[in-house]
């Protein structure tokens, strides 16, 4: 009678032992997993992380070394062309520990400095995180270092010390042109008389023409815009910022550029797509034309992105329509009166921003057009590809137009 009770007790004990065994195995597995995680954590923290950090630092060091090596090779090969070389400690002293910042751009910051008592300079520090591997530094030193022209900013010196690079320019007391032709609220701004504005335009055109034809090499700027036109104490304009510039032999009529260069709103169409034509000195002419229209208007060409129509957004299209109505003597529903010099700037600007490079004047022709009366200037074909619902139709009508720029002979 007691035997079945014994079997029941035996079965209960066996189940408990089996449960304890399973729990023990589970605990052992959990402990093993925890230990593995702990080991992996230690490995990641003390082995993998330092290794990754070392690889990153080695790669960064190699890039800096390669960039520094390329710059040093250039400087050694062009010692006769380069101006005074300053140590980084001298740059700190000249700028008084970078006390007064004049501006900031894509390639770095510009600070006011003093190399001697009363001799002020502008020190442009190139950013250490630049992706150009020293190309922008070489471009500036190689181009500005060989230029001597009243309408091109003068390079005083430079600094190249490991990753610290700077270019030192003559100081322009009146800053950049954009501060004098643009208002903060977007309303038209006219600080200069039309005669003075024309003189500034002629000065800029002469500076660009000198870059194209006045040096032993053709220098293409690729970034003509109001921010890169500096004004001295007499408001004499000087072309500046040659970080995107390229040098080419004079016999090269076609330029090879791997990527679009410049600032949106001033980039020539052929720099974006080769379907519009080949890259040449006419690419700078296009940028100058956009600059000229902004100078005359006292506002940016693209000033109201929330506007409802293309003519409101793109000012050259609006001014073209107004000039066309004026020439056709149509009765329009808005007032439109132009000074003679204002009309001249608009017309020359519109000629400069023609889509086809071959339809644009050269910078020498631009200088001559600015210096002559505007009575003989004809309205060019509509240069705005944005003013038509079909780009193809616009380009086709431009190609088949009989309107021509007045024949002006160029000096050889």
Protein backbone atom coordinates (compact mmCIF):
# COMPACT_ATOMS: atom_id res chain seq x y z
CA UNK A 1 0.00 0.00 0.00
CA UNK A 2 2.98 2.34 0.59
CA UNK A 3 4.75 1.52 -2.71
CA UNK A 4 2.66 3.85 -4.98
CA UNK A 5 3.20 6.74 -2.55
CA UNK A 6 6.96 6.15 -2.79
CA UNK A 7 6.79 6.26 -6.60
CA UNK A 8 4.93 9.57 -6.49
CA UNK A 9 7.61 11.05 -4.23
CA UNK A 10 10.30 9.73 -6.58
CA UNK A 11 8.67 11.31 -9.61
CA UNK A 12 8.35 14.68 -7.84
CA UNK A 13 12.01 14.61 -6.81
CA UNK A 14 13.04 13.72 -10.38
CA UNK A 15 11.07 16.63 -11.81
CA UNK A 16 12.65 19.01 -9.30
CA UNK A 17 16.13 17.74 -10.14
CA UNK A 18 15.42 18.11 -13.88
CA UNK A 19 14.12 21.68 -13.32
CA UNK A 20 17.19 22.58 -11.25
CA UNK A 21 19.40 21.14 -14.00
CA UNK A 22 17.70 23.19 -16.71
CA UNK A 23 17.91 26.34 -14.61
CA UNK A 24 21.58 25.69 -14.00
CA UNK A 25 22.26 25.27 -17.74
CA UNK A 26 20.30 28.46 -18.48
CA UNK A 27 22.30 30.37 -15.87
CA UNK A 28 25.56 29.05 -17.31
CA UNK A 29 24.49 30.14 -20.83
CA UNK A 30 23.53 33.59 -19.54
CA UNK A 31 26.86 33.93 -17.73
CA UNK A 32 28.72 32.89 -20.90
CA UNK A 33 26.81 35.43 -22.98
CA UNK A 34 27.55 38.16 -20.43
CA UNK A 35 31.23 37.23 -20.45
CA UNK A 36 31.33 37.28 -24.27
CA UNK A 37 29.65 40.71 -24.33
CA UNK A 38 32.13 41.95 -21.73
CA UNK A 39 35.06 40.65 -23.79
CA UNK A 40 33.68 42.24 -26.97
CA UNK A 41 33.15 45.51 -25.12
CA UNK A 42 36.75 45.48 -23.95
CA UNK A 43 37.97 44.62 -27.45
CA UNK A 44 35.91 47.41 -29.06
CA UNK A 45 36.99 49.93 -26.45
CA UNK A 46 40.66 49.09 -26.18
CA UNK A 47 41.46 47.41 -29.52
CA UNK A 48 39.03 48.18 -32.34
CA UNK A 49 38.29 51.83 -31.41
CA UNK A 50 41.96 52.80 -31.11
CA UNK A 51 42.67 50.97 -34.36
CA UNK A 52 39.91 52.84 -36.19
CA UNK A 53 41.09 56.12 -34.64
CA UNK A 54 44.66 55.42 -35.73
CA UNK A 55 43.53 54.65 -39.28
CA UNK A 56 41.49 57.88 -39.39
CA UNK A 57 44.35 59.98 -38.04
CA UNK A 58 46.81 58.34 -40.42
CA UNK A 59 44.52 59.08 -43.37
CA UNK A 60 44.07 62.70 -42.25
CA UNK A 61 47.82 63.09 -41.74
CA UNK A 62 48.50 61.65 -45.19
CA UNK A 63 46.05 64.06 -46.82
CA UNK A 64 47.57 67.03 -44.99
CA UNK A 65 51.07 65.86 -45.85
CA UNK A 66 50.17 65.37 -49.51
CA UNK A 67 48.55 68.82 -49.64
CA UNK A 68 51.49 70.46 -47.87
CA UNK A 69 53.95 68.64 -50.11
CA UNK A 70 52.13 69.83 -53.26
CA UNK A 71 52.07 73.42 -52.02
CA UNK A 72 55.75 73.36 -51.03
CA UNK A 73 56.75 71.95 -54.41
CA UNK A 74 54.82 74.73 -56.12
CA UNK A 75 56.33 77.45 -53.94
CA UNK A 76 59.85 76.19 -54.51
CA UNK A 77 59.30 76.02 -58.27
CA UNK A 78 57.89 79.57 -58.45
CA UNK A 79 60.03 81.47 -55.94
CA UNK A 80 60.65 84.28 -58.42
CA UNK A 81 56.91 84.86 -58.88
CA UNK A 82 55.76 84.68 -55.27
CA UNK A 83 55.77 87.70 -52.90
CA UNK A 84 56.94 87.84 -49.29
CA UNK A 85 56.47 84.68 -47.25
CA UNK A 86 55.35 85.11 -43.65
CA UNK A 87 55.52 82.69 -40.74
CA UNK A 88 52.28 81.78 -38.98
CA UNK A 89 53.52 83.53 -35.83
CA UNK A 90 53.85 86.72 -37.91
CA UNK A 91 50.28 86.27 -39.18
CA UNK A 92 49.08 86.12 -35.58
CA UNK A 93 50.98 89.33 -34.80
CA UNK A 94 49.78 91.10 -37.96
CA UNK A 95 46.11 90.33 -37.21
CA UNK A 96 46.53 90.82 -33.44
CA UNK A 97 45.34 87.29 -32.79
CA UNK A 98 42.64 87.57 -35.50
CA UNK A 99 40.92 90.38 -33.62
CA UNK A 100 38.92 92.02 -36.44
CA UNK A 101 37.10 89.82 -38.94
CA UNK A 102 36.25 91.51 -42.23
CA UNK A 103 34.28 88.67 -43.76
CA UNK A 104 33.85 84.95 -44.20
CA UNK A 105 33.50 82.83 -47.34
CA UNK A 106 33.59 79.28 -48.64
CA UNK A 107 37.38 79.03 -48.48
CA UNK A 108 37.96 80.71 -45.11
CA UNK A 109 37.79 83.95 -43.12
CA UNK A 110 39.32 87.37 -43.83
CA UNK A 111 40.86 89.49 -41.06
CA UNK A 112 42.20 93.03 -40.92
CA UNK A 113 45.91 93.29 -40.21
CA UNK A 114 48.78 95.76 -40.09
CA UNK A 115 52.22 94.87 -41.47
CA UNK A 116 53.67 98.28 -40.59
CA UNK A 117 52.41 101.42 -38.88
CA UNK A 118 49.52 102.64 -40.99
CA UNK A 119 50.00 99.92 -43.63
CA UNK A 120 46.85 97.86 -43.35
CA UNK A 121 46.24 94.55 -45.10
CA UNK A 122 43.51 91.94 -45.43
CA UNK A 123 44.56 88.45 -44.33
CA UNK A 124 42.58 85.58 -45.81
CA UNK A 125 42.98 82.40 -43.75
CA UNK A 126 42.17 79.31 -45.79
CA UNK A 127 40.09 76.76 -43.89
CA UNK A 128 41.97 73.68 -42.65
CA UNK A 129 38.98 71.48 -43.58
CA UNK A 130 39.13 72.49 -47.25
CA UNK A 131 38.60 69.63 -49.69
CA UNK A 132 40.70 71.23 -52.42
CA UNK A 133 44.06 69.81 -51.22
CA UNK A 134 45.76 73.20 -51.48
CA UNK A 135 44.49 73.91 -55.00
CA UNK A 136 42.74 77.14 -53.97
CA UNK A 137 45.94 78.36 -52.27
CA UNK A 138 48.06 77.58 -55.33
CA UNK A 139 45.47 79.27 -57.57
CA UNK A 140 45.57 82.50 -55.59
CA UNK A 141 49.35 82.69 -55.22
CA UNK A 142 50.07 81.67 -58.81
CA UNK A 143 47.61 84.15 -60.32
CA UNK A 144 47.78 87.21 -58.07
CA UNK A 145 51.53 86.80 -57.57
CA UNK A 146 52.23 87.76 -61.20
CA UNK A 147 49.62 90.51 -61.65
CA UNK A 148 50.21 94.25 -61.47
CA UNK A 149 47.12 96.20 -62.49
CA UNK A 150 45.21 99.08 -60.95
CA UNK A 151 41.93 97.14 -61.15
CA UNK A 152 43.22 93.85 -59.69
CA UNK A 153 43.87 93.51 -55.97
CA UNK A 154 47.57 93.31 -55.08
CA UNK A 155 48.98 90.31 -53.22
CA UNK A 156 51.26 91.51 -50.41
CA UNK A 157 52.38 88.12 -49.14
CA UNK A 158 51.37 84.66 -48.06
CA UNK A 159 51.85 82.04 -45.34
CA UNK A 160 52.30 78.31 -45.77
CA UNK A 161 53.24 76.50 -42.59
CA UNK A 162 52.04 72.89 -42.46
CA UNK A 163 48.23 73.10 -42.55
CA UNK A 164 48.19 76.86 -41.84
CA UNK A 165 47.81 78.82 -45.06
CA UNK A 166 46.99 82.46 -45.66
CA UNK A 167 47.12 85.04 -48.43
CA UNK A 168 47.69 88.71 -47.60
CA UNK A 169 46.10 91.40 -49.78
CA UNK A 170 46.19 95.16 -49.81
CA UNK A 171 43.42 96.50 -47.58
CA UNK A 172 40.38 97.95 -49.35
CA UNK A 173 38.92 100.69 -47.16
CA UNK A 174 35.43 100.69 -48.70
CA UNK A 175 34.94 96.93 -48.66
CA UNK A 176 33.18 94.92 -51.33
CA UNK A 177 30.80 96.27 -53.97
CA UNK A 178 27.79 94.30 -52.75
CA UNK A 179 27.63 96.42 -49.58
CA UNK A 180 27.08 99.52 -51.73
CA UNK A 181 24.56 98.22 -54.29
CA UNK A 182 22.37 95.85 -52.24
CA UNK A 183 20.09 96.73 -49.34
CA UNK A 184 19.31 94.34 -46.51
CA UNK A 185 15.56 94.46 -47.16
CA UNK A 186 15.82 93.77 -50.91
CA UNK A 187 14.69 97.24 -52.04
CA UNK A 188 16.71 98.94 -54.83
CA UNK A 189 19.77 100.77 -53.52
CA UNK A 190 21.66 103.50 -55.40
CA UNK A 191 24.63 104.91 -53.49
CA UNK A 192 26.51 106.11 -56.57
CA UNK A 193 25.73 108.53 -59.36
CA UNK A 194 25.28 106.93 -62.77
CA UNK A 195 28.59 108.40 -63.89
CA UNK A 196 30.41 106.88 -60.90
CA UNK A 197 28.67 103.56 -61.40
CA UNK A 198 29.82 103.55 -65.04
CA UNK A 199 33.40 104.31 -63.93
CA UNK A 200 33.29 101.36 -61.52
CA UNK A 201 31.93 99.11 -64.29
CA UNK A 202 34.69 100.22 -66.68
CA UNK A 203 37.32 99.55 -64.00
CA UNK A 204 36.03 96.04 -63.36
CA UNK A 205 35.88 95.36 -67.11
CA UNK A 206 39.46 96.56 -67.56
CA UNK A 207 40.62 94.34 -64.73
CA UNK A 208 38.97 91.25 -66.23
CA UNK A 209 40.29 92.13 -69.70
CA UNK A 210 43.80 92.35 -68.24
CA UNK A 211 43.40 88.89 -66.72
CA UNK A 212 42.34 87.49 -70.09
CA UNK A 213 44.90 89.20 -72.32
CA UNK A 214 47.34 91.31 -70.29
CA UNK A 215 49.44 88.54 -68.74
CA UNK A 216 51.75 85.95 -70.27
CA UNK A 217 49.04 83.39 -69.44
CA UNK A 218 45.28 83.68 -69.84
CA UNK A 219 43.70 83.87 -66.38
CA UNK A 220 40.03 82.90 -66.09
CA UNK A 221 38.49 84.06 -62.83
CA UNK A 222 35.29 81.93 -62.79
CA UNK A 223 33.80 83.79 -59.82
CA UNK A 224 33.03 87.37 -60.84
CA UNK A 225 30.37 88.74 -58.50
CA UNK A 226 29.81 91.87 -56.34
CA UNK A 227 31.36 90.25 -53.26
CA UNK A 228 34.63 89.77 -55.16
CA UNK A 229 34.90 93.37 -56.35
CA UNK A 230 36.70 95.46 -53.72
CA UNK A 231 36.73 99.28 -53.50
CA UNK A 232 39.65 101.34 -52.24
CA UNK A 233 39.44 104.74 -50.52
CA UNK A 234 38.64 106.41 -53.87
CA UNK A 235 36.12 103.71 -54.84
CA UNK A 236 38.48 102.37 -57.48
CA UNK A 237 37.31 98.79 -58.14
CA UNK A 238 39.68 95.84 -57.88
CA UNK A 239 38.94 92.24 -58.85
CA UNK A 240 39.76 89.88 -55.98
CA UNK A 241 39.44 86.27 -54.75
CA UNK A 242 41.21 84.01 -57.21
CA UNK A 243 40.56 80.72 -55.41
CA UNK A 244 38.67 79.32 -58.42
CA UNK A 245 40.87 80.90 -61.09
CA UNK A 246 42.66 78.86 -63.74
CA UNK A 247 45.69 79.69 -65.90
CA UNK A 248 45.89 78.66 -69.55
CA UNK A 249 48.26 79.35 -72.45
CA UNK A 250 46.98 82.17 -74.64
CA UNK A 251 46.71 79.92 -77.68
CA UNK A 252 44.09 77.75 -75.90
CA UNK A 253 40.67 78.88 -77.13
CA UNK A 254 38.84 76.05 -75.34
CA UNK A 255 39.23 75.39 -71.63
CA UNK A 256 38.84 72.05 -69.87
CA UNK A 257 37.17 72.22 -66.46
CA UNK A 258 36.16 69.05 -64.63
CA UNK A 259 33.27 70.57 -62.67
CA UNK A 260 31.10 73.68 -62.57
CA UNK A 261 32.89 76.55 -60.88
CA UNK A 262 31.48 79.76 -59.47
CA UNK A 263 28.47 81.08 -57.60
CA UNK A 264 24.85 80.32 -58.43
CA UNK A 265 23.34 83.28 -60.23
CA UNK A 266 26.62 84.20 -61.94
CA UNK A 267 27.70 80.87 -63.47
CA UNK A 268 27.71 80.79 -67.27
CA UNK A 269 25.45 78.10 -68.80
CA UNK A 270 28.37 76.29 -70.47
CA UNK A 271 29.93 75.69 -67.05
CA UNK A 272 26.84 73.71 -66.10
CA UNK A 273 26.26 71.89 -69.40
CA UNK A 274 28.50 71.65 -72.44
CA UNK A 275 25.34 71.65 -74.59
CA UNK A 276 25.37 75.45 -74.31
CA UNK A 277 28.91 75.80 -75.71
CA UNK A 278 32.57 75.57 -74.79
CA UNK A 279 34.20 77.11 -71.73
CA UNK A 280 36.38 80.12 -72.48
CA UNK A 281 37.01 83.71 -71.39
CA UNK A 282 33.38 84.34 -72.43
CA UNK A 283 32.38 82.52 -69.22
CA UNK A 284 33.74 85.47 -67.23
CA UNK A 285 31.90 87.82 -69.62
CA UNK A 286 28.62 86.17 -68.63
CA UNK A 287 29.33 86.66 -64.91
CA UNK A 288 30.26 90.29 -65.56
CA UNK A 289 26.97 90.81 -67.38
CA UNK A 290 25.01 89.55 -64.38
CA UNK A 291 27.09 91.86 -62.18
CA UNK A 292 26.42 94.83 -64.50
CA UNK A 293 22.65 94.34 -64.38
CA UNK A 294 22.73 94.15 -60.58
CA UNK A 295 24.79 97.35 -60.42
CA UNK A 296 22.26 99.19 -62.58
CA UNK A 297 19.25 97.77 -60.73
CA UNK A 298 20.60 98.19 -57.21
CA UNK A 299 19.20 94.75 -56.39
CA UNK A 300 19.98 91.08 -56.90
CA UNK A 301 18.95 89.40 -60.13
CA UNK A 302 17.24 86.64 -58.14
CA UNK A 303 15.67 88.48 -55.25
CA UNK A 304 12.25 87.04 -54.50
CA UNK A 305 12.07 83.22 -54.49
CA UNK A 306 8.46 83.32 -53.24
CA UNK A 307 7.23 85.34 -56.21
CA UNK A 308 4.55 83.83 -58.36
CA UNK A 309 5.98 84.52 -61.84
CA UNK A 310 9.35 84.04 -63.50
CA UNK A 311 9.65 87.72 -64.43
CA UNK A 312 9.42 88.66 -60.75
CA UNK A 313 12.01 86.09 -59.73
CA UNK A 314 14.51 86.64 -62.54
CA UNK A 315 15.23 90.36 -62.94
CA UNK A 316 17.12 90.23 -66.31
CA UNK A 317 13.93 88.82 -67.86
CA UNK A 318 11.90 91.67 -66.41
CA UNK A 319 14.32 94.35 -67.58
CA UNK A 320 14.46 92.77 -71.05
CA UNK A 321 10.67 92.92 -71.33
CA UNK A 322 10.69 96.56 -70.24
CA UNK A 323 13.38 97.51 -72.76
CA UNK A 324 11.53 95.63 -75.48
CA UNK A 325 8.30 97.49 -74.72
CA UNK A 326 10.23 100.76 -74.70
CA UNK A 327 11.77 100.05 -78.09
CA UNK A 328 8.36 99.12 -79.51
CA UNK A 329 6.81 102.26 -77.94
CA UNK A 330 4.03 100.25 -76.41
CA UNK A 331 1.71 101.68 -73.79
CA UNK A 332 2.39 99.60 -70.69
CA UNK A 333 0.68 99.74 -67.32
CA UNK A 334 3.78 100.60 -65.27
CA UNK A 335 6.12 103.55 -65.24
CA UNK A 336 9.49 102.98 -66.86
CA UNK A 337 11.99 105.80 -67.21
CA UNK A 338 15.72 105.20 -67.63
CA UNK A 339 18.73 107.43 -67.43
CA UNK A 340 21.04 107.17 -70.44
CA UNK A 341 23.85 105.53 -68.46
CA UNK A 342 21.39 103.20 -66.73
CA UNK A 343 19.99 102.04 -70.06
CA UNK A 344 23.53 101.50 -71.37
CA UNK A 345 24.45 99.27 -68.41
CA UNK A 346 21.31 97.19 -68.90
CA UNK A 347 21.86 96.74 -72.64
CA UNK A 348 25.53 95.78 -72.30
CA UNK A 349 24.65 93.45 -69.44
CA UNK A 350 22.01 91.72 -71.56
CA UNK A 351 24.52 91.28 -74.41
CA UNK A 352 27.00 89.75 -71.96
CA UNK A 353 24.55 87.13 -70.65
CA UNK A 354 23.59 85.65 -74.01
CA UNK A 355 23.30 81.88 -73.72
CA UNK A 356 25.68 81.11 -76.58
CA UNK A 357 29.26 82.16 -75.69
CA UNK A 358 29.90 83.20 -79.30
CA UNK A 359 27.04 85.76 -79.05
CA UNK A 360 28.69 87.56 -76.13
CA UNK A 361 31.19 90.38 -76.61
CA UNK A 362 34.78 90.06 -75.42
CA UNK A 363 35.88 92.06 -72.38
CA UNK A 364 37.76 94.45 -74.65
CA UNK A 365 34.55 95.10 -76.58
CA UNK A 366 32.71 95.57 -73.28
CA UNK A 367 35.19 98.27 -72.23
CA UNK A 368 34.72 100.04 -75.57
CA UNK A 369 30.93 99.77 -75.34
CA UNK A 370 30.95 101.26 -71.84
CA UNK A 371 33.10 104.16 -72.97
CA UNK A 372 30.88 105.04 -75.97
CA UNK A 373 27.39 106.54 -76.21
CA UNK A 374 24.47 104.14 -75.86
CA UNK A 375 22.47 105.50 -78.80
CA UNK A 376 23.82 102.93 -81.26
CA UNK A 377 23.27 99.94 -78.95
CA UNK A 378 20.50 97.61 -80.07
CA UNK A 379 18.41 95.38 -77.84
CA UNK A 380 19.89 91.85 -77.98
CA UNK A 381 17.89 88.62 -78.24
CA UNK A 382 16.19 87.59 -75.02
CA UNK A 383 18.98 85.97 -72.96
CA UNK A 384 16.70 84.44 -70.34
CA UNK A 385 16.02 80.73 -70.75
CA UNK A 386 13.65 81.11 -67.79
CA UNK A 387 11.32 83.51 -69.59
CA UNK A 388 9.95 80.84 -71.91
CA UNK A 389 7.88 77.79 -71.11
CA UNK A 390 10.07 75.81 -73.45
CA UNK A 391 13.86 76.09 -73.15
CA UNK A 392 14.30 74.49 -76.54
CA UNK A 393 12.06 77.06 -78.20
CA UNK A 394 13.90 79.90 -76.51
CA UNK A 395 17.31 78.65 -77.59
CA UNK A 396 16.08 78.02 -81.14
CA UNK A 397 14.70 81.55 -81.45
CA UNK A 398 17.98 82.91 -80.12
CA UNK A 399 20.02 80.97 -82.65
CA UNK A 400 17.93 82.18 -85.58
CA UNK A 401 17.79 85.83 -84.52
CA UNK A 402 19.29 88.44 -86.84
CA UNK A 403 20.07 90.90 -84.06
CA UNK A 404 23.81 91.48 -83.86
CA UNK A 405 26.20 93.27 -81.55
CA UNK A 406 27.61 96.46 -83.09
CA UNK A 407 30.84 95.70 -84.96
CA UNK A 408 33.77 96.76 -82.80
CA UNK A 409 37.28 95.86 -83.86
CA UNK A 410 39.55 94.34 -81.26
CA UNK A 411 43.22 95.17 -80.87
CA UNK A 412 45.56 92.28 -81.38
